[in-house]
C-alpha cells in the first residue's frame, strides 16, 4: 500500500506508527496471500503462478520503497526540528520549556530511527516467505 496522498504527519509519533502499521498490511498477510494465490503442485495447472508471483513481487517492492520513503522523510523532518531546537537552546540556556521540547523531539527521532530496524526485519521476513513459495515460478530481475 502506498502512502496516503495527503502527506504524512511526522509530528505525532502515534500517527506515524499507525500509518506504518497500515502500510505493512501486505507484509503481515503475505503467507495468506501466497497460500491463496500460488498453487500447490496438485493445482499448478489451474493458475498462472509465475504471473501471480510477479505481481506480488511488484507489490512488495512498491510497499517496501514507499515505507522506506515515509520513514526517511519523517527522520529528516524530525532531525531538522531537533537541529533548530538545539540552536535555539544554545542561545537561551535558561529556557526549560525549550529543553523539554528538545528532549521530546530527540526521543521521537530515536523511535523513528528504530523503525528502520523494524522495517528491515519485516522486509527480510516477507522476502524469505516470498522466495520459499515463488522461487520456482518467478525469478526477480538481477539488478534489484
Protein backbone atom coordinates (compact mmCIF):
# COMPACT_ATOMS: atom_id res chain seq x y z
CA UNK A 1 0.00 0.00 0.00
CA UNK A 2 1.32 3.41 -0.88
CA UNK A 3 1.49 6.34 1.48
CA UNK A 4 -1.64 8.43 1.67
CA UNK A 5 -1.70 11.19 -0.92
CA UNK A 6 -2.37 13.86 1.71
CA UNK A 7 1.14 13.53 3.08
CA UNK A 8 2.45 12.09 6.27
CA UNK A 9 2.14 13.62 9.71
CA UNK A 10 5.57 13.21 11.26
CA UNK A 11 4.78 15.40 14.24
CA UNK A 12 2.73 12.81 16.12
CA UNK A 13 4.64 9.57 16.57
CA UNK A 14 1.46 7.59 17.27
CA UNK A 15 0.02 8.65 13.90
CA UNK A 16 3.32 7.84 12.21
CA UNK A 17 3.30 4.36 13.75
CA UNK A 18 -0.34 3.79 12.81
CA UNK A 19 0.42 4.72 9.21
CA UNK A 20 3.31 2.25 9.11
CA UNK A 21 1.06 -0.43 10.57
CA UNK A 22 -1.46 0.10 7.78
CA UNK A 23 1.31 0.22 5.17
CA UNK A 24 2.71 -3.10 6.47
CA UNK A 25 -0.54 -4.94 5.80
CA UNK A 26 0.88 -6.62 2.69
CA UNK A 27 3.79 -7.99 4.73
CA UNK A 28 1.51 -9.14 7.54
CA UNK A 29 -0.68 -11.05 5.10
CA UNK A 30 1.97 -12.46 2.78
CA UNK A 31 1.66 -16.06 3.97
CA UNK A 32 -2.11 -15.99 3.48
CA UNK A 33 -1.69 -14.26 0.12
CA UNK A 34 0.77 -16.89 -1.08
CA UNK A 35 -1.39 -19.75 0.22
CA UNK A 36 -4.44 -18.46 -1.62
CA UNK A 37 -2.80 -17.36 -4.89
CA UNK A 38 0.21 -19.60 -5.52
CA UNK A 39 -0.94 -23.14 -6.17
CA UNK A 40 0.50 -26.26 -4.67
CA UNK A 41 1.73 -28.92 -7.11
CA UNK A 42 -1.71 -30.53 -7.37
CA UNK A 43 -3.36 -27.29 -8.53
CA UNK A 44 -0.47 -25.97 -10.62
CA UNK A 45 -2.32 -26.22 -13.94
CA UNK A 46 -5.25 -24.04 -12.91
CA UNK A 47 -3.41 -20.81 -12.00
CA UNK A 48 -0.58 -18.89 -13.63
CA UNK A 49 1.76 -18.91 -10.64
CA UNK A 50 4.53 -17.02 -12.43
CA UNK A 51 2.22 -14.06 -13.12
CA UNK A 52 0.84 -14.15 -9.58
CA UNK A 53 4.34 -14.20 -8.09
CA UNK A 54 5.45 -11.38 -10.38
CA UNK A 55 2.51 -9.21 -9.27
CA UNK A 56 3.19 -9.98 -5.62
CA UNK A 57 6.87 -9.19 -6.14
CA UNK A 58 5.98 -5.78 -7.61
CA UNK A 59 3.53 -5.08 -4.78
CA UNK A 60 6.13 -5.95 -2.14
CA UNK A 61 8.79 -3.80 -3.82
CA UNK A 62 6.43 -0.83 -4.03
CA UNK A 63 5.27 -1.23 -0.44
CA UNK A 64 8.81 -1.50 0.90
CA UNK A 65 10.02 1.50 -1.12
CA UNK A 66 7.03 3.57 -0.04
CA UNK A 67 7.53 2.80 3.66
CA UNK A 68 11.26 3.48 3.35
CA UNK A 69 10.49 6.91 1.88
CA UNK A 70 7.95 7.71 4.62
CA UNK A 71 10.32 6.70 7.42
CA UNK A 72 13.33 8.51 5.99
CA UNK A 73 11.25 11.61 5.25
CA UNK A 74 9.99 11.75 8.84
CA UNK A 75 13.50 11.18 10.19
CA UNK A 76 14.75 14.08 8.05
CA UNK A 77 11.91 16.34 9.19
CA UNK A 78 12.40 15.49 12.86
CA UNK A 79 16.19 15.84 12.57
CA UNK A 80 15.65 19.32 11.20
CA UNK A 81 13.39 20.22 14.15
CA UNK A 82 15.96 18.83 16.61
CA UNK A 83 18.72 20.85 14.96
CA UNK A 84 16.64 24.02 15.12
CA UNK A 85 15.76 23.42 18.78
CA UNK A 86 19.42 22.80 19.63
CA UNK A 87 20.38 26.10 18.05
CA UNK A 88 17.64 27.91 19.97
CA UNK A 89 18.69 26.14 23.17
CA UNK A 90 22.29 27.30 22.76
CA UNK A 91 21.06 30.90 22.58
CA UNK A 92 18.79 30.55 25.60
CA UNK A 93 20.16 28.04 28.13
CA UNK A 94 17.66 29.01 30.84
CA UNK A 95 14.52 28.12 28.88
CA UNK A 96 13.26 24.86 30.43
CA UNK A 97 10.29 24.66 28.07
CA UNK A 98 12.70 24.64 25.16
CA UNK A 99 14.75 21.91 26.83
CA UNK A 100 11.64 19.75 27.32
CA UNK A 101 10.63 20.24 23.71
CA UNK A 102 14.15 19.35 22.54
CA UNK A 103 14.17 16.14 24.62
CA UNK A 104 10.73 15.19 23.31
CA UNK A 105 11.85 15.64 19.68
CA UNK A 106 15.10 13.75 20.29
CA UNK A 107 13.14 10.83 21.73
CA UNK A 108 10.75 10.85 18.78
CA UNK A 109 13.75 10.88 16.42
CA UNK A 110 15.22 7.80 18.14
CA UNK A 111 11.88 5.99 17.84
CA UNK A 112 11.66 6.84 14.16
CA UNK A 113 15.21 5.62 13.59
CA UNK A 114 14.34 2.38 15.33
CA UNK A 115 11.51 1.93 12.81
CA UNK A 116 14.21 1.48 10.16
CA UNK A 117 15.38 -1.61 12.08
CA UNK A 118 11.81 -2.88 12.36
CA UNK A 119 11.39 -2.29 8.64
CA UNK A 120 14.48 -4.35 7.88
CA UNK A 121 13.14 -7.29 9.90
CA UNK A 122 9.67 -7.06 8.32
CA UNK A 123 11.13 -6.87 4.80
CA UNK A 124 13.55 -9.76 5.37
CA UNK A 125 10.72 -11.96 6.67
CA UNK A 126 8.49 -11.12 3.70
CA UNK A 127 11.21 -11.80 1.13
CA UNK A 128 12.09 -15.09 2.80
CA UNK A 129 8.48 -16.30 2.63
CA UNK A 130 8.10 -14.97 -0.92
CA UNK A 131 11.25 -16.76 -2.09
CA UNK A 132 10.23 -20.04 -0.46
CA UNK A 133 6.93 -20.12 -2.35
CA UNK A 134 7.75 -18.30 -5.59
CA UNK A 135 11.33 -19.28 -6.40
CA UNK A 136 10.27 -21.97 -8.88
CA UNK A 137 7.62 -19.74 -10.51
CA UNK A 138 9.33 -16.35 -10.76
CA UNK A 139 12.91 -15.06 -10.81
CA UNK A 140 13.25 -11.38 -9.86
CA UNK A 141 15.43 -9.25 -12.14
CA UNK A 142 19.12 -9.45 -11.20
CA UNK A 143 19.60 -5.66 -10.98
CA UNK A 144 17.28 -5.31 -7.96
